[in-house]
Amino acid sequence: MLAGSARYRLAKTNGVTFVMDEDCDVPPRTEAKLLIIVDGQESYKRVFLPDGVTPGLKRVRYEDGTPF
C-alpha cells in the first residue's frame, strides 16, 4: 500500500479488507493506492481508508477510491 510518500507491506486482501504485514499509523479518511503484482506485472488500485490504520491493527477496512 502506498499512502503519501510511505510504502507499507500487506499480507493479503479480499476486496473489502486487507491484512497489514507491519505496523503503521495512517490517519482516517486517507486516500491510498494498493500496488498489486501478479506474475511480475504491476497494477494499482485507488482506495479510501475511512478508519485509517493504527499500530497493532492488522485487519483494515477500505473502500474503492475510483470515482464513477
PDB file of N, CA and C in Angstrom:
ATOM      1  N   MET A   1       0.835  -1.149   0.000  1.00  0.00           N
ATOM      2  CA  MET A   1       0.000   0.000   0.000  1.00  0.00           C
ATOM      3  C   MET A   1       0.895   1.231   0.000  1.00  0.00           C
ATOM      4  N   LEU A   2       0.511   2.207  -0.796  1.00  0.00           N
ATOM      5  CA  LEU A   2       1.208   3.484  -0.839  1.00  0.00           C
ATOM      6  C   LEU A   2       0.282   4.541  -0.255  1.00  0.00           C
ATOM      7  N   ALA A   3       0.736   5.199   0.797  1.00  0.00           N
ATOM      8  CA  ALA A   3      -0.040   6.261   1.437  1.00  0.00           C
ATOM      9  C   ALA A   3       0.889   7.447   1.638  1.00  0.00           C
ATOM     10  N   GLY A   4       0.624   8.530   0.935  1.00  0.00           N
ATOM     11  CA  GLY A   4       1.556   9.657   0.961  1.00  0.00           C
ATOM     12  C   GLY A   4       2.866   9.224   0.329  1.00  0.00           C
ATOM     13  N   SER A   5       3.962   9.463   1.010  1.00  0.00           N
ATOM     14  CA  SER A   5       5.269   9.060   0.479  1.00  0.00           C
ATOM     15  C   SER A   5       5.746   7.738   1.076  1.00  0.00           C
ATOM     16  N   ALA A   6       4.903   7.103   1.894  1.00  0.00           N
ATOM     17  CA  ALA A   6       5.294   5.848   2.562  1.00  0.00           C
ATOM     18  C   ALA A   6       4.729   4.633   1.835  1.00  0.00           C
ATOM     19  N   ARG A   7       5.457   3.537   1.956  1.00  0.00           N
ATOM     20  CA  ARG A   7       5.055   2.264   1.357  1.00  0.00           C
ATOM     21  C   ARG A   7       4.980   1.229   2.473  1.00  0.00           C
ATOM     22  N   TYR A   8       3.850   0.493   2.539  1.00  0.00           N
ATOM     23  CA  TYR A   8       3.620  -0.494   3.598  1.00  0.00           C
ATOM     24  C   TYR A   8       3.325  -1.844   2.975  1.00  0.00           C
ATOM     25  N   ARG A   9       3.841  -2.903   3.602  1.00  0.00           N
ATOM     26  CA  ARG A   9       3.624  -4.261   3.117  1.00  0.00           C
ATOM     27  C   ARG A   9       2.306  -4.802   3.655  1.00  0.00           C
ATOM     28  N   LEU A  10       1.571  -5.472   2.769  1.00  0.00           N
ATOM     29  CA  LEU A  10       0.327  -6.134   3.145  1.00  0.00           C
ATOM     30  C   LEU A  10       0.527  -7.639   3.076  1.00  0.00           C
ATOM     31  N   ALA A  11      -0.172  -8.365   3.928  1.00  0.00           N
ATOM     32  CA  ALA A  11      -0.095  -9.822   3.899  1.00  0.00           C
ATOM     33  C   ALA A  11      -1.093 -10.395   2.904  1.00  0.00           C
ATOM     34  N   LYS A  12      -2.329  -9.829   2.875  1.00  0.00           N
ATOM     35  CA  LYS A  12      -3.341 -10.307   1.933  1.00  0.00           C
ATOM     36  C   LYS A  12      -4.488  -9.312   1.868  1.00  0.00           C
ATOM     37  N   THR A  13      -5.328  -9.478   0.848  1.00  0.00           N
ATOM     38  CA  THR A  13      -6.518  -8.655   0.692  1.00  0.00           C
ATOM     39  C   THR A  13      -7.650  -9.522   0.159  1.00  0.00           C
ATOM     40  N   ASN A  14      -8.885  -9.094   0.431  1.00  0.00           N
ATOM     41  CA  ASN A  14     -10.035  -9.853  -0.059  1.00  0.00           C
ATOM     42  C   ASN A  14     -11.023  -8.961  -0.812  1.00  0.00           C
ATOM     43  N   GLY A  15     -10.660  -7.751  -1.117  1.00  0.00           N
ATOM     44  CA  GLY A  15     -11.535  -6.853  -1.854  1.00  0.00           C
ATOM     45  C   GLY A  15     -12.335  -5.909  -0.979  1.00  0.00           C
ATOM     46  N   VAL A  16     -12.352  -6.143   0.331  1.00  0.00           N
ATOM     47  CA  VAL A  16     -13.063  -5.272   1.269  1.00  0.00           C
ATOM     48  C   VAL A  16     -12.148  -4.863   2.421  1.00  0.00           C
ATOM     49  N   THR A  17     -11.253  -5.774   2.785  1.00  0.00           N
ATOM     50  CA  THR A  17     -10.274  -5.503   3.836  1.00  0.00           C
ATOM     51  C   THR A  17      -8.910  -5.989   3.372  1.00  0.00           C
ATOM     52  N   PHE A  18      -7.878  -5.530   4.042  1.00  0.00           N
ATOM     53  CA  PHE A  18      -6.560  -6.122   3.849  1.00  0.00           C
ATOM     54  C   PHE A  18      -5.924  -6.325   5.202  1.00  0.00           C
ATOM     55  N   VAL A  19      -4.932  -7.191   5.241  1.00  0.00           N
ATOM     56  CA  VAL A  19      -4.220  -7.518   6.465  1.00  0.00           C
ATOM     57  C   VAL A  19      -2.824  -6.926   6.353  1.00  0.00           C
ATOM     58  N   MET A  20      -2.468  -6.122   7.339  1.00  0.00           N
ATOM     59  CA  MET A  20      -1.148  -5.487   7.351  1.00  0.00           C
ATOM     60  C   MET A  20      -0.075  -6.511   7.700  1.00  0.00           C
ATOM     61  N   ASP A  21       1.074  -6.371   7.060  1.00  0.00           N
ATOM     62  CA  ASP A  21       2.226  -7.225   7.349  1.00  0.00           C
ATOM     63  C   ASP A  21       3.166  -6.527   8.330  1.00  0.00           C
ATOM     64  N   GLU A  22       2.897  -5.257   8.602  1.00  0.00           N
ATOM     65  CA  GLU A  22       3.743  -4.473   9.503  1.00  0.00           C
ATOM     66  C   GLU A  22       2.887  -3.398  10.162  1.00  0.00           C
ATOM     67  N   ASP A  23       3.324  -2.917  11.312  1.00  0.00           N
ATOM     68  CA  ASP A  23       2.627  -1.833  11.990  1.00  0.00           C
ATOM     69  C   ASP A  23       2.838  -0.516  11.249  1.00  0.00           C
ATOM     70  N   CYS A  24       1.783   0.294  11.232  1.00  0.00           N
ATOM     71  CA  CYS A  24       1.913   1.635  10.661  1.00  0.00           C
ATOM     72  C   CYS A  24       0.833   2.520  11.254  1.00  0.00           C
ATOM     73  N   ASP A  25       0.947   3.803  11.007  1.00  0.00           N
ATOM     74  CA  ASP A  25      -0.014   4.772  11.509  1.00  0.00           C
ATOM     75  C   ASP A  25      -0.437   5.654  10.345  1.00  0.00           C
ATOM     76  N   VAL A  26      -1.663   5.457   9.867  1.00  0.00           N
ATOM     77  CA  VAL A  26      -2.201   6.224   8.739  1.00  0.00           C
ATOM     78  C   VAL A  26      -3.508   6.848   9.227  1.00  0.00           C
ATOM     79  N   PRO A  27      -3.670   8.164   9.098  1.00  0.00           N
ATOM     80  CA  PRO A  27      -4.862   8.811   9.627  1.00  0.00           C
ATOM     81  C   PRO A  27      -6.149   8.392   8.920  1.00  0.00           C
ATOM     82  N   PRO A  28      -7.287   8.509   9.620  1.00  0.00           N
ATOM     83  CA  PRO A  28      -8.578   8.228   8.983  1.00  0.00           C
ATOM     84  C   PRO A  28      -8.807   9.115   7.766  1.00  0.00           C
ATOM     85  N   ARG A  29      -9.631   8.623   6.850  1.00  0.00           N
ATOM     86  CA  ARG A  29     -10.024   9.335   5.626  1.00  0.00           C
ATOM     87  C   ARG A  29      -8.838   9.604   4.691  1.00  0.00           C
ATOM     88  N   THR A  30      -7.890   8.674   4.677  1.00  0.00           N
ATOM     89  CA  THR A  30      -6.721   8.791   3.803  1.00  0.00           C
ATOM     90  C   THR A  30      -6.987   8.092   2.475  1.00  0.00           C
ATOM     91  N   GLU A  31      -6.579   8.736   1.382  1.00  0.00           N
ATOM     92  CA  GLU A  31      -6.586   8.079   0.074  1.00  0.00           C
ATOM     93  C   GLU A  31      -5.239   7.407  -0.108  1.00  0.00           C
ATOM     94  N   ALA A  32      -5.261   6.197  -0.639  1.00  0.00           N
ATOM     95  CA  ALA A  32      -4.026   5.430  -0.823  1.00  0.00           C
ATOM     96  C   ALA A  32      -4.118   4.642  -2.118  1.00  0.00           C
ATOM     97  N   LYS A  33      -3.054   3.932  -2.437  1.00  0.00           N
ATOM     98  CA  LYS A  33      -3.036   3.054  -3.600  1.00  0.00           C
ATOM     99  C   LYS A  33      -2.585   1.674  -3.153  1.00  0.00           C
ATOM    100  N   LEU A  34      -3.259   0.661  -3.663  1.00  0.00           N
ATOM    101  CA  LEU A  34      -2.791  -0.707  -3.476  1.00  0.00           C
ATOM    102  C   LEU A  34      -1.964  -1.066  -4.698  1.00  0.00           C
ATOM    103  N   LEU A  35      -0.748  -1.471  -4.484  1.00  0.00           N
ATOM    104  CA  LEU A  35       0.114  -1.956  -5.553  1.00  0.00           C
ATOM    105  C   LEU A  35      -0.050  -3.458  -5.615  1.00  0.00           C
ATOM    106  N   ILE A  36      -0.512  -3.937  -6.758  1.00  0.00           N
ATOM    107  CA  ILE A  36      -0.780  -5.366  -6.934  1.00  0.00           C
ATOM    108  C   ILE A  36       0.211  -5.899  -7.971  1.00  0.00           C
ATOM    109  N   ILE A  37       0.938  -6.952  -7.598  1.00  0.00           N
ATOM    110  CA  ILE A  37       1.923  -7.545  -8.507  1.00  0.00           C
ATOM    111  C   ILE A  37       1.537  -9.005  -8.733  1.00  0.00           C
ATOM    112  N   VAL A  38       1.247  -9.347  -9.988  1.00  0.00           N
ATOM    113  CA  VAL A  38       0.910 -10.719 -10.374  1.00  0.00           C
ATOM    114  C   VAL A  38       1.789 -11.098 -11.558  1.00  0.00           C
ATOM    115  N   ASP A  39       2.553 -12.160 -11.408  1.00  0.00           N
ATOM    116  CA  ASP A  39       3.461 -12.625 -12.460  1.00  0.00           C
ATOM    117  C   ASP A  39       4.362 -11.501 -12.968  1.00  0.00           C
ATOM    118  N   GLY A  40       4.825 -10.659 -12.051  1.00  0.00           N
ATOM    119  CA  GLY A  40       5.742  -9.587 -12.409  1.00  0.00           C
ATOM    120  C   GLY A  40       5.077  -8.345 -12.991  1.00  0.00           C
ATOM    121  N   GLN A  41       3.784  -8.388 -13.219  1.00  0.00           N
ATOM    122  CA  GLN A  41       3.048  -7.240 -13.769  1.00  0.00           C
ATOM    123  C   GLN A  41       2.467  -6.413 -12.625  1.00  0.00           C
ATOM    124  N   GLU A  42       2.761  -5.108 -12.612  1.00  0.00           N
ATOM    125  CA  GLU A  42       2.272  -4.217 -11.570  1.00  0.00           C
ATOM    126  C   GLU A  42       1.005  -3.507 -12.018  1.00  0.00           C
ATOM    127  N   SER A  43       0.058  -3.376 -11.101  1.00  0.00           N
ATOM    128  CA  SER A  43      -1.118  -2.542 -11.338  1.00  0.00           C
ATOM    129  C   SER A  43      -1.469  -1.873 -10.011  1.00  0.00           C
ATOM    130  N   TYR A  44      -2.197  -0.771 -10.097  1.00  0.00           N
ATOM    131  CA  TYR A  44      -2.563  -0.010  -8.916  1.00  0.00           C
ATOM    132  C   TYR A  44      -4.074   0.093  -8.813  1.00  0.00           C
ATOM    133  N   LYS A  45      -4.552   0.140  -7.581  1.00  0.00           N
ATOM    134  CA  LYS A  45      -5.968   0.367  -7.323  1.00  0.00           C
ATOM    135  C   LYS A  45      -6.063   1.480  -6.284  1.00  0.00           C
ATOM    136  N   ARG A  46      -6.809   2.533  -6.610  1.00  0.00           N
ATOM    137  CA  ARG A  46      -7.011   3.613  -5.650  1.00  0.00           C
ATOM    138  C   ARG A  46      -8.008   3.160  -4.599  1.00  0.00           C
ATOM    139  N   VAL A  47      -7.691   3.419  -3.334  1.00  0.00           N
ATOM    140  CA  VAL A  47      -8.565   3.035  -2.232  1.00  0.00           C
ATOM    141  C   VAL A  47      -8.702   4.197  -1.255  1.00  0.00           C
ATOM    142  N   PHE A  48      -9.727   4.124  -0.431  1.00  0.00           N
ATOM    143  CA  PHE A  48     -10.002   5.104   0.601  1.00  0.00           C
ATOM    144  C   PHE A  48     -10.041   4.360   1.930  1.00  0.00           C
ATOM    145  N   LEU A  49      -9.313   4.859   2.920  1.00  0.00           N
ATOM    146  CA  LEU A  49      -9.244   4.219   4.236  1.00  0.00           C
ATOM    147  C   LEU A  49     -10.081   5.037   5.221  1.00  0.00           C
ATOM    148  N   PRO A  50     -11.374   4.743   5.342  1.00  0.00           N
ATOM    149  CA  PRO A  50     -12.243   5.568   6.181  1.00  0.00           C
ATOM    150  C   PRO A  50     -11.825   5.600   7.650  1.00  0.00           C
ATOM    151  N   ASP A  51     -11.276   4.500   8.149  1.00  0.00           N
ATOM    152  CA  ASP A  51     -10.878   4.412   9.555  1.00  0.00           C
ATOM    153  C   ASP A  51      -9.379   4.583   9.757  1.00  0.00           C
ATOM    154  N   GLY A  52      -8.616   4.679   8.666  1.00  0.00           N
ATOM    155  CA  GLY A  52      -7.165   4.753   8.775  1.00  0.00           C
ATOM    156  C   GLY A  52      -6.577   3.448   9.267  1.00  0.00           C
ATOM    157  N   VAL A  53      -5.334   3.514   9.707  1.00  0.00           N
ATOM    158  CA  VAL A  53      -4.632   2.336  10.239  1.00  0.00           C
ATOM    159  C   VAL A  53      -3.903   2.784  11.500  1.00  0.00           C
ATOM    160  N   THR A  54      -4.031   2.014  12.565  1.00  0.00           N
ATOM    161  CA  THR A  54      -3.315   2.326  13.797  1.00  0.00           C
ATOM    162  C   THR A  54      -2.362   1.187  14.120  1.00  0.00           C
ATOM    163  N   PRO A  55      -1.243   1.496  14.799  1.00  0.00           N
ATOM    164  CA  PRO A  55      -0.307   0.435  15.166  1.00  0.00           C
ATOM    165  C   PRO A  55      -1.021  -0.670  15.950  1.00  0.00           C
ATOM    166  N   GLY A  56      -0.725  -1.901  15.612  1.00  0.00           N
ATOM    167  CA  GLY A  56      -1.344  -3.047  16.259  1.00  0.00           C
ATOM    168  C   GLY A  56      -2.589  -3.548  15.545  1.00  0.00           C
ATOM    169  N   LEU A  57      -3.174  -2.702  14.678  1.00  0.00           N
ATOM    170  CA  LEU A  57      -4.352  -3.114  13.912  1.00  0.00           C
ATOM    171  C   LEU A  57      -3.880  -3.920  12.717  1.00  0.00           C
ATOM    172  N   LYS A  58      -4.382  -5.116  12.572  1.00  0.00           N
ATOM    173  CA  LYS A  58      -3.947  -5.968  11.470  1.00  0.00           C
ATOM    174  C   LYS A  58      -4.929  -5.939  10.297  1.00  0.00           C
ATOM    175  N   ARG A  59      -6.239  -6.046  10.578  1.00  0.00           N
ATOM    176  CA  ARG A  59      -7.240  -6.065   9.509  1.00  0.00           C
ATOM    177  C   ARG A  59      -7.775  -4.651   9.316  1.00  0.00           C
ATOM    178  N   VAL A  60      -7.681  -4.147   8.079  1.00  0.00           N
ATOM    179  CA  VAL A  60      -8.053  -2.769   7.764  1.00  0.00           C
ATOM    180  C   VAL A  60      -9.146  -2.755   6.702  1.00  0.00           C
ATOM    181  N   ARG A  61     -10.193  -1.992   6.966  1.00  0.00           N
ATOM    182  CA  ARG A  61     -11.300  -1.849   6.007  1.00  0.00           C
ATOM    183  C   ARG A  61     -10.934  -0.764   5.001  1.00  0.00           C
ATOM    184  N   TYR A  62     -11.249  -1.027   3.730  1.00  0.00           N
ATOM    185  CA  TYR A  62     -11.049   0.000   2.712  1.00  0.00           C
ATOM    186  C   TYR A  62     -12.221   0.018   1.757  1.00  0.00           C
ATOM    187  N   GLU A  63     -12.346   1.125   1.027  1.00  0.00           N
ATOM    188  CA  GLU A  63     -13.381   1.299   0.024  1.00  0.00           C
ATOM    189  C   GLU A  63     -12.715   1.621  -1.303  1.00  0.00           C
ATOM    190  N   ASP A  64     -13.398   1.304  -2.370  1.00  0.00           N
ATOM    191  CA  ASP A  64     -12.890   1.620  -3.706  1.00  0.00           C
ATOM    192  C   ASP A  64     -12.758   3.131  -3.818  1.00  0.00           C
ATOM    193  N   GLY A  65     -11.594   3.583  -4.225  1.00  0.00           N
ATOM    194  CA  GLY A  65     -11.338   5.011  -4.339  1.00  0.00           C
ATOM    195  C   GLY A  65     -11.518   5.553  -5.728  1.00  0.00           C
ATOM    196  N   THR A  66     -11.952   4.705  -6.664  1.00  0.00           N
ATOM    197  CA  THR A  66     -12.147   5.138  -8.051  1.00  0.00           C
ATOM    198  C   THR A  66     -13.531   5.751  -8.192  1.00  0.00           C
ATOM    199  N   PRO A  67     -13.616   7.025  -8.568  1.00  0.00           N
ATOM    200  CA  PRO A  67     -14.933   7.653  -8.722  1.00  0.00           C
ATOM    201  C   PRO A  67     -15.662   7.119  -9.938  1.00  0.00           C
ATOM    202  N   PHE A  68     -16.975   7.198  -9.909  1.00  0.00           N
ATOM    203  CA  PHE A  68     -17.795   6.763 -11.058  1.00  0.00           C
ATOM    204  C   PHE A  68     -17.742   7.784 -12.160  1.00  0.00           C
TER     205      PHE A  68
END
